[in-house]
Protein backbone atom coordinates (compact mmCIF):
# COMPACT_ATOMS: atom_id res chain seq x y z
CA MET A 1 4.86 -10.67 20.93
CA LYS A 2 5.47 -7.14 21.98
CA SER A 3 4.68 -5.55 25.31
CA LEU A 4 1.08 -5.20 26.29
CA THR A 5 -0.14 -1.63 26.45
CA LEU A 6 -3.36 -0.27 27.82
CA GLY A 7 -4.97 -0.41 24.42
CA SER A 8 -4.44 -4.11 24.00
CA PHE A 9 -7.93 -5.16 24.93
CA ALA A 10 -11.19 -3.98 23.53
CA CYS A 11 -12.83 -4.01 26.94
CA LEU A 12 -10.62 -1.33 28.46
CA ALA A 13 -11.93 1.82 26.82
CA LEU A 14 -14.61 4.26 27.93
CA VAL A 15 -17.59 4.96 25.69
CA ALA A 16 -20.07 7.74 25.26
CA ALA A 17 -23.79 8.41 25.07
CA CYS A 18 -26.25 11.29 25.49
CA GLY A 19 -23.89 13.74 27.10
CA SER A 20 -21.97 11.07 28.95
CA ASP A 21 -19.41 8.42 28.09
CA ASP A 22 -21.76 5.52 28.89
CA ASP A 23 -22.50 3.47 25.82
CA PRO A 24 -22.83 -0.22 25.01
CA ALA A 25 -19.85 -1.28 23.00
CA PRO A 26 -19.15 -4.09 20.56
CA PRO A 27 -17.68 -7.43 21.62
CA GLY A 28 -13.90 -7.82 21.68
CA ILE A 29 -12.34 -6.30 18.58
CA ALA A 30 -8.73 -6.26 17.46
CA ARG A 31 -8.42 -2.76 16.09
CA ASP A 32 -5.45 -1.72 14.08
CA ALA A 33 -4.63 1.77 15.22
CA ALA A 34 -2.31 3.91 13.19
CA THR A 35 -0.12 1.61 11.18
CA ASP A 36 -0.54 -0.11 7.87
CA LYS A 37 0.19 -3.46 9.47
CA PRO A 38 -2.88 -5.66 9.87
CA ALA A 39 -3.68 -7.01 13.30
CA GLU A 40 -2.77 -10.65 13.67
CA ALA A 41 -5.08 -13.36 14.86
CA ALA A 42 -7.44 -12.49 17.66
CA ASN A 43 -5.42 -14.46 20.15
CA ASP A 44 -2.31 -12.42 19.46
CA ALA A 45 -1.79 -10.46 22.68
CA ARG A 46 -0.21 -7.49 21.04
CA ASN A 47 -2.47 -4.91 19.49
CA ASP A 48 -1.38 -1.47 18.76
CA ALA A 49 -1.16 1.39 21.15
CA ARG A 50 -4.67 2.59 20.51
CA ASP A 51 -6.19 -0.77 19.81
CA ALA A 52 -8.38 0.10 22.71
CA GLY A 53 -11.70 -0.73 21.40
CA THR A 54 -14.71 -1.59 23.44
CA ASP A 55 -16.40 -1.54 26.76
CA ALA A 56 -19.33 -3.88 26.90
CA ARG A 57 -20.47 -2.68 30.28
CA ASP A 58 -21.94 0.79 29.65
CA ALA A 59 -25.53 1.12 30.68
CA THR A 60 -26.74 4.46 29.34
CA SER A 61 -28.33 4.49 25.90
CA ASP A 62 -28.05 7.21 23.30
CA THR A 63 -30.49 7.56 20.43
CA SER A 64 -29.13 10.82 19.07
CA ASP A 65 -27.02 9.06 16.47
CA ALA A 66 -28.62 5.65 16.30
CA GLY A 67 -29.22 5.16 12.65
CA ALA A 68 -26.79 4.31 9.93
CA ASP A 69 -25.73 7.27 7.77
CA ALA A 70 -27.55 7.19 4.48
CA SER A 71 -24.88 9.36 2.89
CA ASP A 72 -22.51 6.39 2.78
CA THR A 73 -24.57 3.83 0.93
CA GLY A 74 -23.54 4.31 -2.68
CA THR A 75 -21.14 2.25 -4.68
CA ASP A 76 -18.50 3.13 -7.19
CA ALA A 77 -16.82 1.22 -9.97
CA ARG A 78 -13.29 1.14 -8.61
CA ASP A 79 -11.71 -2.22 -9.33
CA ALA A 80 -8.06 -1.38 -9.76
CA GLY A 81 -6.52 -4.44 -8.23
CA GLY A 82 -8.67 -7.51 -8.48
CA ASP A 83 -10.08 -9.55 -11.27
CA GLY A 84 -12.88 -12.00 -11.53
CA ARG A 85 -10.76 -15.11 -11.26
CA ASP A 86 -12.17 -17.91 -9.17
CA SER A 87 -11.96 -21.65 -8.62
CA SER A 88 -12.86 -22.42 -12.23
CA ALA A 89 -9.90 -20.58 -13.74
CA ASP A 90 -8.76 -21.63 -17.20
CA SER A 91 -6.05 -20.75 -19.69
CA ASN A 92 -7.01 -17.09 -19.38
CA ASP A 93 -5.66 -17.22 -15.85
CA GLY A 94 -2.04 -17.19 -16.90
CA GLY A 95 -1.80 -20.90 -17.59
CA ALA A 96 -2.45 -22.04 -14.03
CA ASP A 97 -5.55 -23.11 -12.18
CA ALA A 98 -6.36 -20.25 -9.79
CA ALA A 99 -8.42 -22.64 -7.70
CA ASP A 100 -5.30 -23.95 -6.04
CA SER A 101 -2.54 -21.50 -7.04
CA GLY A 102 -1.13 -24.00 -9.49
CA ALA A 103 -1.55 -27.15 -7.39
CA ASP A 104 -3.97 -30.07 -7.58
CA ALA A 105 -6.80 -29.52 -5.13
CA ASP A 106 -7.85 -33.15 -4.88
CA ALA A 107 -9.32 -33.61 -1.41
CA ASP A 108 -7.07 -36.58 -0.70
CA ILE A 109 -3.86 -34.76 -1.60
CA GLU A 110 -2.40 -32.00 0.53
CA PRO A 111 -1.80 -29.15 -1.95
CA ARG A 112 1.46 -27.22 -1.98
CA LEU A 113 0.78 -23.70 -0.71
CA VAL A 114 3.76 -21.69 -1.91
CA LEU A 115 4.42 -18.62 0.22
CA CYS A 116 6.16 -15.48 -0.89
CA PRO A 117 9.33 -14.67 1.07
CA LEU A 118 8.51 -13.49 4.60
CA LEU A 119 9.38 -9.84 5.21
CA ALA A 120 9.91 -8.15 8.56
CA GLY A 121 6.88 -6.24 9.79
CA LYS A 122 4.52 -7.85 7.28
CA THR A 123 1.69 -10.33 7.85
CA PRO A 124 1.42 -12.52 4.72
CA VAL A 125 -0.93 -15.08 6.32
CA ALA A 126 -4.26 -14.55 8.10
CA ALA A 127 -6.89 -17.05 9.21
CA SER A 128 -10.55 -16.07 9.13
CA PRO A 129 -12.26 -15.38 12.48
CA ASP A 130 -14.31 -18.58 12.20
CA GLY A 131 -11.18 -20.66 11.55
CA LYS A 132 -12.42 -22.05 8.23
CA LEU A 133 -10.40 -20.07 5.69
CA VAL A 134 -6.84 -18.86 5.31
CA ALA A 135 -5.76 -15.92 3.17
CA TYR A 136 -2.10 -15.89 2.23
CA LEU A 137 0.35 -14.26 -0.17
CA SER A 138 1.13 -16.89 -2.78
CA CYS A 139 4.19 -17.01 -5.04
CA ALA A 140 3.13 -20.17 -6.85
CA GLN A 141 2.87 -18.18 -10.08
CA THR A 142 5.15 -15.65 -11.74
CA ASN A 143 3.61 -12.74 -9.86
CA PRO A 144 2.47 -12.65 -6.21
CA ALA A 145 -1.25 -13.02 -5.57
CA VAL A 146 -3.50 -13.31 -2.53
CA VAL A 147 -5.18 -16.71 -2.32
CA VAL A 148 -7.94 -17.90 0.00
CA TYR A 149 -7.61 -21.56 1.04
CA GLU A 150 -10.45 -23.54 2.61
CA LEU A 151 -9.02 -25.81 5.30
CA ALA A 152 -11.78 -28.43 5.17
CA THR A 153 -12.00 -28.92 1.39
CA LYS A 154 -8.41 -27.94 0.52
CA LYS A 155 -9.77 -25.77 -2.30
CA SER A 156 -8.46 -22.32 -3.15
CA SER A 157 -9.61 -19.19 -4.93
CA GLU A 158 -7.50 -16.22 -5.93
CA LEU A 159 -8.49 -12.75 -4.80
CA GLY A 160 -6.10 -11.04 -7.17
CA PRO A 161 -2.51 -9.90 -7.73
CA ALA A 162 -0.79 -8.09 -4.90
CA PRO A 163 2.56 -6.42 -4.16
CA ALA A 164 5.36 -8.68 -2.93
CA ASP A 165 5.48 -6.74 0.37
CA SER A 166 1.78 -7.18 1.08
CA SER A 167 0.17 -7.71 4.46
CA ILE A 168 -3.17 -9.46 4.83
CA GLU A 169 -5.99 -9.26 7.37
CA TRP A 170 -9.65 -10.16 7.68
CA LEU A 171 -12.01 -7.29 8.34
CA LEU A 172 -14.41 -7.48 11.24
CA ASP A 173 -17.34 -8.74 9.18
CA GLY A 174 -15.36 -11.97 8.69
CA LYS A 175 -16.08 -12.10 4.95
CA TYR A 176 -13.82 -9.48 3.41
CA VAL A 177 -10.02 -9.53 3.17
CA TYR A 178 -7.89 -6.38 3.35
CA TYR A 179 -4.57 -6.85 1.57
CA GLY A 180 -1.72 -5.03 -0.11
CA SER A 181 1.00 -2.52 0.70
CA ALA A 182 1.01 1.19 1.50
CA SER A 183 1.07 2.06 -2.21
CA GLU A 184 -1.45 -0.53 -3.41
CA THR A 185 -4.20 -1.87 -1.17
CA TYR A 186 -7.42 -3.76 -1.92
CA VAL A 187 -10.50 -5.20 -0.24
CA ARG A 188 -12.32 -8.20 -1.64
CA ALA A 189 -14.86 -10.73 -0.43
CA ALA A 190 -13.32 -14.14 0.22
CA ASP A 191 -15.95 -15.82 -1.97
CA VAL A 192 -14.78 -13.65 -4.94
CA ALA A 193 -18.41 -12.88 -5.70
CA THR A 194 -17.55 -9.24 -6.41
CA PRO A 195 -14.46 -7.56 -7.89
CA ALA A 196 -11.65 -6.26 -5.71
CA VAL A 197 -11.89 -2.64 -4.57
CA ARG A 198 -8.76 -0.53 -4.60
CA ILE A 199 -8.74 1.52 -1.42
CA SER A 200 -6.51 4.42 -2.48
CA THR A 201 -4.62 5.73 -5.49
CA GLY A 202 -2.26 7.51 -3.10
CA THR A 203 -0.33 6.14 -0.13
CA ILE A 204 -2.01 4.41 2.82
CA ASP A 205 -0.50 5.89 6.00
CA GLY A 206 -2.69 3.89 8.38
CA HIS A 207 -5.95 2.04 8.70
CA ARG A 208 -8.07 0.37 11.32
CA ALA A 209 -11.07 -1.90 11.34
CA PHE A 210 -13.67 -0.84 13.88
CA GLN A 211 -17.29 -1.23 14.91
CA GLU A 212 -19.65 1.74 14.70
CA ARG A 213 -22.63 1.88 17.02
CA ILE A 214 -25.68 2.25 14.77
CA SER A 215 -28.45 1.77 17.34
CA ASN A 216 -28.85 1.40 21.08
CA THR A 217 -27.53 -2.16 21.00
CA ALA A 218 -26.24 -2.82 17.48
CA PHE A 219 -22.83 -2.25 15.92
CA ALA A 220 -21.68 -2.53 12.31
CA PRO A 221 -18.22 -3.22 10.85
CA ARG A 222 -16.37 -0.27 9.37
CA LEU A 223 -12.97 0.54 7.88
CA LEU A 224 -11.12 3.76 8.68
CA VAL A 225 -8.37 4.77 6.25
CA LEU A 226 -5.66 7.43 6.54
CA GLU A 227 -4.04 8.24 3.21
CA THR A 228 -1.95 10.83 1.42
CA ASP A 229 -2.96 11.74 -2.11
CA GLY A 230 -1.41 14.60 -4.06
CA GLY A 231 0.15 16.13 -0.94
CA VAL A 232 -3.17 16.17 0.94
CA HIS A 233 -3.84 13.91 3.93
CA ARG A 234 -7.28 12.38 4.14
CA VAL A 235 -9.25 10.30 6.65
CA SER A 236 -12.21 8.38 5.29
CA ALA A 237 -14.59 5.66 6.40
CA ARG A 238 -16.03 2.74 4.45
CA LYS A 239 -18.91 0.37 5.19
CA VAL A 240 -19.40 -3.34 4.67
CA ASP A 241 -22.91 -2.59 3.35
CA ASP A 242 -21.62 -1.98 -0.19
CA GLY A 243 -18.47 -4.08 0.02
CA TYR A 244 -16.35 -1.13 1.18
CA THR A 245 -16.59 0.49 -2.26
CA THR A 246 -17.77 3.96 -1.19
CA ARG A 247 -15.35 6.37 0.45
CA LEU A 248 -16.91 8.74 2.97
CA THR A 249 -14.39 11.55 3.49
CA LEU A 250 -14.24 12.79 7.10
CA ILE A 251 -11.40 15.32 6.84
CA GLU A 252 -8.87 16.48 4.25
CA ASP A 253 -5.98 18.78 5.13
CA ALA A 254 -2.35 19.05 4.09
CA ALA A 255 -1.49 19.75 7.75
CA LEU A 256 -3.37 16.72 9.11
CA ALA A 257 -1.27 14.65 11.52
CA LEU A 258 -0.84 11.02 10.46
CA ASP A 259 -2.70 9.58 13.45
CA ILE A 260 -6.09 7.87 13.70
CA SER A 261 -5.61 6.45 17.19
CA GLN A 262 -8.19 8.70 18.86
CA LEU A 263 -11.34 6.75 17.98
CA SER A 264 -14.03 6.40 20.62
CA ALA A 265 -15.15 3.01 21.84
CA SER A 266 -18.56 3.57 20.26
CA GLY A 267 -16.80 3.98 16.93
CA ARG A 268 -18.74 7.19 16.35
CA THR A 269 -16.24 9.88 17.29
CA LEU A 270 -12.77 10.55 15.88
CA ILE A 271 -10.38 13.20 17.18
CA ALA A 272 -7.81 14.31 14.60
CA THR A 273 -4.93 16.75 14.98
CA VAL A 274 -4.20 19.46 12.45
CA ALA A 275 -0.64 20.75 12.84
CA PRO A 276 0.16 23.58 10.38
CA ALA A 277 3.75 24.60 9.75
CA GLN A 278 2.83 28.05 11.00
CA GLY A 279 0.38 28.59 13.82
CA THR A 280 -1.05 26.50 16.63
CA SER A 281 -2.02 22.85 16.33
CA GLN A 282 -5.71 22.09 16.83
CA TYR A 283 -7.93 19.15 17.68
CA ARG A 284 -10.82 18.45 15.30
CA LYS A 285 -13.77 16.30 16.39
CA MET A 286 -15.93 14.51 13.84
CA ARG A 287 -18.51 11.77 13.57
CA THR A 288 -17.36 8.73 11.61
CA ASN A 289 -20.64 8.80 9.65
CA ASN A 290 -20.56 12.59 9.07
CA ALA A 291 -23.91 12.85 10.86
CA GLN A 292 -22.75 16.04 12.62
CA PRO A 293 -20.55 18.92 11.44
CA MET A 294 -16.86 18.74 12.34
CA SER A 295 -15.86 21.01 15.22
CA THR A 296 -12.63 22.46 16.65
CA LEU A 297 -12.05 21.68 20.33
CA PRO A 298 -11.55 24.60 22.75
CA PHE A 299 -8.13 23.32 23.84
CA THR A 300 -5.02 22.38 21.86
CA PRO A 301 -2.35 19.67 21.94
CA ASN A 302 -0.14 22.23 23.66
CA ASP A 303 -2.70 22.44 26.47
CA TRP A 304 -3.62 18.76 26.82
CA VAL A 305 -2.30 15.60 25.20
CA MET A 306 -5.04 13.04 24.67
CA ALA A 307 -4.54 9.83 26.66
CA PRO A 308 -4.62 6.57 24.69
CA THR A 309 -7.51 5.18 26.72
CA GLY A 310 -10.88 6.42 27.86
CA LEU A 311 -12.08 8.34 24.80
CA GLY A 312 -15.85 8.55 24.68
CA ASP A 313 -18.10 10.69 22.56
CA THR A 314 -18.07 13.49 25.15
CA HIS A 315 -14.97 13.10 27.38
CA ASN A 316 -11.44 11.79 27.42
CA PHE A 317 -8.49 11.50 29.79
CA ALA A 318 -5.70 13.93 29.03
CA LEU A 319 -2.20 14.77 30.22
CA HIS A 320 -0.08 17.86 30.61
CA ASP A 321 3.39 16.76 31.65
CA ASP A 322 2.74 14.76 34.87
CA ARG A 323 -0.80 16.07 35.41
CA LEU A 324 -3.75 13.79 34.60
CA VAL A 325 -7.32 15.03 34.12
CA ARG A 326 -10.60 14.04 32.59
CA ILE A 327 -11.69 16.64 30.08
CA GLU A 328 -15.01 17.47 28.47
CA LEU A 329 -14.39 17.67 24.75
CA ASP A 330 -16.79 20.45 23.79
CA THR A 331 -16.13 22.79 26.73
CA GLY A 332 -12.62 22.01 27.95
CA VAL A 333 -13.89 21.68 31.54
CA ILE A 334 -11.63 19.34 33.53
CA ALA A 335 -11.83 17.07 36.55
CA GLU A 336 -8.47 16.81 38.33
CA LEU A 337 -7.27 13.23 38.79
CA VAL A 338 -3.51 13.46 39.47
CA PRO A 339 -2.19 16.97 40.21
CA ALA A 340 1.13 18.15 38.80
CA GLY A 341 4.15 17.14 40.85
CA SER A 342 2.37 14.20 42.49
CA GLY A 343 4.61 11.43 41.18
CA LEU A 344 2.70 10.23 38.12
CA LEU A 345 4.83 7.75 36.18
CA ALA A 346 6.18 9.23 32.95
CA GLY A 347 4.58 8.10 29.70
CA ASN A 348 1.05 6.86 29.12
CA ALA A 349 1.41 3.08 28.69
CA HIS A 350 0.43 2.54 32.33
CA LEU A 351 -2.95 4.28 31.97
CA LEU A 352 -5.91 1.87 32.01
CA ASP A 353 -9.62 2.14 32.73
CA ARG A 354 -12.36 -0.10 34.01
CA GLU A 355 -16.06 0.05 34.85
CA ASP A 356 -17.03 -1.27 38.29
CA ALA A 357 -20.77 -0.76 37.83
CA PRO A 358 -22.96 0.96 35.23
CA GLY A 359 -21.80 4.57 35.10
CA LYS A 360 -19.03 4.06 37.68
CA LYS A 361 -15.63 3.97 36.04
CA HIS A 362 -12.05 4.28 37.26
CA VAL A 363 -8.81 5.29 35.63
CA TYR A 364 -5.74 3.27 36.66
CA PHE A 365 -2.22 4.67 36.83
CA ILE A 366 1.12 4.33 38.63
CA GLN A 367 1.83 7.10 41.13
CA ASN A 368 5.00 7.19 43.24
CA GLY A 369 5.56 3.60 42.13
CA ASP A 370 2.18 2.45 43.44
CA PRO A 371 -0.48 0.93 41.16
CA SER A 372 -3.46 3.16 41.93
CA ARG A 373 -6.88 4.12 40.69
CA ARG A 374 -9.38 6.95 40.97
CA ILE A 375 -12.99 7.38 39.97
CA ARG A 376 -13.07 9.22 36.66
CA GLU A 377 -14.97 12.25 37.94
CA GLY A 378 -12.32 12.81 40.63
CA THR A 379 -14.99 12.99 43.34
CA GLU A 380 -13.32 10.34 45.53
CA PRO A 381 -9.71 10.12 46.78
CA THR A 382 -7.09 8.08 44.94
CA GLU A 383 -7.07 4.43 46.00
CA VAL A 384 -3.65 2.78 46.24
CA LEU A 385 -3.96 -0.83 45.12
CA ALA A 386 -0.43 -1.90 46.09
CA THR A 387 2.61 -0.28 47.67
CA ALA A 388 5.43 -0.92 45.21
CA ASN A 389 8.11 0.43 42.91
CA ALA A 390 6.20 -0.37 39.75
CA VAL A 391 7.45 0.63 36.32
CA ALA A 392 4.76 -1.06 34.18
CA GLN A 393 1.30 -2.55 34.55
CA ALA A 394 -1.43 -4.26 32.52
CA MET A 395 -5.01 -5.35 33.14
CA THR A 396 -6.27 -8.83 32.35
CA PRO A 397 -9.02 -9.18 29.72
CA ASP A 398 -11.58 -10.12 32.39
CA LEU A 399 -10.78 -6.82 34.16
CA LEU A 400 -10.22 -8.60 37.47
CA THR A 401 -6.46 -8.35 37.91
CA ILE A 402 -3.66 -5.81 37.56
CA LEU A 403 -0.28 -7.35 36.69
CA TYR A 404 2.66 -5.10 37.47
CA LEU A 405 6.44 -5.14 37.33
CA SER A 406 8.07 -3.93 40.55
CA ASP A 407 11.67 -4.33 41.72
CA GLN A 408 12.16 -6.39 38.53
CA GLN A 409 9.61 -9.02 39.62
CA LEU A 410 6.05 -9.73 38.52
CA TYR A 411 3.12 -9.21 40.91
CA ALA A 412 -0.66 -9.31 40.75
CA VAL A 413 -3.29 -7.35 42.65
CA SER A 414 -7.06 -7.18 42.40
CA ALA A 415 -8.32 -4.47 40.05
CA GLU A 416 -11.45 -4.18 42.18
CA GLY A 417 -9.70 -2.42 45.06
CA GLY A 418 -10.91 -2.90 48.59
CA GLY A 419 -7.51 -3.49 50.16
CA ALA A 420 -6.74 -6.91 48.67
CA ALA A 421 -3.10 -7.89 49.18
CA ALA A 422 -0.61 -7.97 46.32
CA ARG A 423 0.50 -11.46 45.22
CA PRO A 424 4.03 -12.24 44.04
CA LEU A 425 4.02 -14.34 40.87
CA VAL A 426 7.42 -14.59 39.17
CA SER A 427 10.71 -13.74 40.88
CA GLU A 428 12.81 -14.08 37.71
CA THR A 429 14.73 -10.80 37.40
CA ASN A 430 13.29 -8.63 34.66
CA ALA A 431 15.11 -5.36 34.03
CA GLU A 432 12.67 -4.22 31.34
CA THR A 433 10.33 -1.28 31.83
CA LYS A 434 7.48 -2.94 29.97
CA LEU A 435 5.60 -6.21 30.24
CA ASN A 436 5.76 -8.97 27.64
CA LEU A 437 2.48 -10.85 28.05
CA ALA A 438 0.04 -12.97 26.06
CA PHE A 439 -3.43 -13.75 27.38
CA SER A 440 -5.62 -16.76 26.72
CA THR A 441 -8.95 -15.91 25.11
CA THR A 442 -10.81 -18.66 26.98
CA THR A 443 -9.11 -19.12 30.37
CA ARG A 444 -7.44 -16.96 33.01
CA ASP A 445 -3.99 -18.14 31.94
CA VAL A 446 -1.20 -15.76 31.00
CA ALA A 447 2.08 -16.29 29.16
CA TYR A 448 4.85 -14.10 30.60
CA VAL A 449 8.32 -13.62 29.12
CA ALA A 450 11.38 -12.46 31.07
CA ASN A 451 14.99 -12.79 29.92
CA ARG A 452 13.93 -14.99 27.00
CA LYS A 453 12.34 -17.41 29.46
CA LEU A 454 8.67 -18.38 29.34
CA PHE A 455 6.28 -18.73 32.28
CA ARG A 456 2.68 -19.92 32.29
CA ILE A 457 0.62 -18.27 35.03
CA ALA A 458 -2.81 -19.60 35.99
CA LEU A 459 -4.46 -16.61 37.65
CA ALA A 460 -7.28 -18.85 38.89
CA ASN A 461 -4.90 -20.10 41.59
CA ASP A 462 -1.66 -18.14 40.90
CA ALA A 463 0.16 -21.34 39.91
CA VAL A 464 3.31 -20.62 37.89
CA GLN A 465 4.89 -23.07 35.45
CA PRO A 466 8.39 -22.13 34.21
CA PHE A 467 9.83 -23.64 31.02
CA SER A 468 13.48 -24.31 30.34
CA ASP A 469 13.61 -23.38 26.65
CA THR A 470 15.29 -20.18 25.51
CA ILE A 471 12.69 -18.55 23.29
CA ASP A 472 12.12 -15.81 20.77
CA PRO A 473 10.31 -13.24 22.97
CA ALA A 474 8.28 -11.91 20.05
CA SER A 475 6.87 -15.31 19.08
CA VAL A 476 4.65 -16.24 22.03
CA LYS A 477 0.94 -16.80 21.35
CA PHE A 478 -1.88 -19.00 22.58
CA ASP A 479 -3.46 -21.48 20.18
CA GLY A 480 -6.88 -20.85 18.67
CA LEU A 481 -8.65 -22.42 21.66
CA GLY A 482 -6.69 -20.42 24.23
CA GLN A 483 -5.20 -23.59 25.74
CA ALA A 484 -1.64 -24.32 24.57
CA ILE A 485 1.10 -21.70 24.52
CA LEU A 486 2.97 -21.70 21.22
CA PHE A 487 6.47 -20.29 20.80
CA ILE A 488 9.61 -20.48 18.69
CA THR A 489 12.82 -21.47 20.39
CA GLU A 490 16.16 -19.78 19.93
CA ALA A 491 17.06 -22.65 17.58
CA GLY A 492 13.95 -22.01 15.42
CA ALA A 493 11.73 -24.92 16.53
CA LEU A 494 8.00 -24.38 17.03
CA LYS A 495 6.90 -25.81 20.38
CA ARG A 496 3.66 -26.29 22.28
CA ALA A 497 3.29 -25.94 26.05
CA SER A 498 0.02 -27.64 26.94
CA PRO A 499 -1.79 -26.95 30.24
CA GLY A 500 -0.25 -28.98 33.05
CA SER A 501 2.80 -29.99 31.05
CA ALA A 502 6.30 -28.99 32.13
CA ASP A 503 7.91 -30.31 28.96
CA PRO A 504 6.85 -28.48 25.75
CA ALA A 505 6.38 -30.71 22.71
CA THR A 506 7.92 -29.92 19.34
CA ILE A 507 5.39 -29.20 16.58
CA ALA A 508 8.01 -28.58 13.88
CA PRO A 509 11.80 -28.59 14.22
CA SER A 510 12.33 -25.50 12.09
CA VAL A 511 9.85 -22.81 11.05
CA GLN A 512 10.06 -19.31 9.65
CA GLY A 513 6.74 -18.24 11.15
CA PHE A 514 3.43 -19.52 12.48
CA TRP A 515 -0.19 -18.42 12.76
CA PRO A 516 -2.76 -20.05 15.08
CA VAL A 517 -6.18 -20.65 13.52
CA PRO A 518 -9.03 -19.21 15.65
CA THR A 519 -11.45 -21.65 17.35
CA THR A 520 -9.23 -24.64 16.52
CA THR A 521 -5.98 -26.34 17.52
CA THR A 522 -4.68 -25.97 13.97
CA VAL A 523 -1.52 -23.95 13.43
CA LEU A 524 -0.32 -22.64 10.08
CA VAL A 525 3.45 -22.83 9.75
CA ALA A 526 5.91 -21.49 7.21
CA ILE A 527 8.46 -24.19 6.37
CA ASN A 528 10.95 -23.89 3.51
CA GLY A 529 8.82 -21.37 1.66
CA GLU A 530 5.56 -23.28 1.94
CA LEU A 531 2.51 -22.92 4.16
CA GLU A 532 1.60 -26.11 6.02
CA THR A 533 -0.90 -27.08 8.72
CA ARG A 534 0.01 -28.62 12.05
CA SER A 535 -1.96 -29.49 15.16
CA ALA A 536 -1.36 -27.89 18.55
CA ALA A 537 -3.41 -30.60 20.26
CA PRO A 538 -1.55 -32.79 22.80
């Protein structure tokens, strides 16, 4: 688990509609920002820096771009990576039954699920959002292949061959699997009803699954791809409607920066940067369905650097050195939020945003060490939430609490303002300048890591439970029900810290990796090159 940044939760981003940034947004989405590494399970606290996503609290509707774009409905015949193999494979499938990757799928016998070697930075296992299926990179045969395994029936089907360094993720529709490496990537339905679609013949530089607002209240799953092909950089969008077969090109330019982090919470607006070798860099604004012509913004990255939170279809927060403003995209008109020389903390990881009421939103920041906030229009004075020496902060998924690190200790304060007192939580010395947190998806509990020590914090009553194990700081996650905290010890054991228990139980004495299954207590574990299931239940 890496440090939580402001983009870690879908509910923390501003959205846009009808000349404002008020727009209903999709439910919590784990967006993969600008890397080619799939997001892990939904209960993994770490998303990427622009995994900002959604704000389900915007009241204003916008009908100017409500419909789906008819220009992106066609299909093509690309099928470079997959084949039609399924659970009835025969001798044409390389001499092995593709239904179980070479193992007997008898319901009474636990099949051997042979994993390919785990590689740093790769995600070779991914459970479906409904917790029923698991896609994994199998090395049961001569060549690696991606296999989908049904947990209830213990039956498997092969999606197709894949590179040995593949990562795997489920797209937001919950039916299609995105898999492969930067040089060879595919999408295929888990039921293998249609052939695999090769996403690019070039190199994938980044991708992200997102939801596009297609009506006043409805959103649809999409896939945004950043690729390099023949020396030209391209950003394109694909729809689930045709199985992600049709590529809708949004921008192509050899000088295009390799960044797709600036995507609005409505999923309709993308800001890209074009940085030529000679001349001034520019911002380009485009609709992700090409419903409107692309435009060049009246300010440049030299003038204002886009903040990683708050992008709507009409406005965004922006920085110039230690000055923070809200800027109108089409005109460049600004509202001053933090003037230059006023003590704004360096960097942008401390910037957050929240809606108090329909149309009333605040930006959160650390100024002179104090967690603070200000209404986004700048029409009211800055409100100091706590007097501190803070170096990092994060907002809880329910938007009620700011957690911050001050004087090397962890504190909490209400995100709603009003003069509520700060509350000390963990006094364990933490010399980091970032927070290492994991949040439960179903409760107000938080897992906090400091000095390789784990703490469970119940924000409902501020109760803190320390644990004695020395842990791998990057391993901490909640189980699929948001109840037990799972972690790997320094010795390599997978343990479970159940609510109310001070003594974590051992799930497996030695694992190479683990993946919680959403909506269940099941945990997938890598042991001696095989994928096995374990229970995180007490």
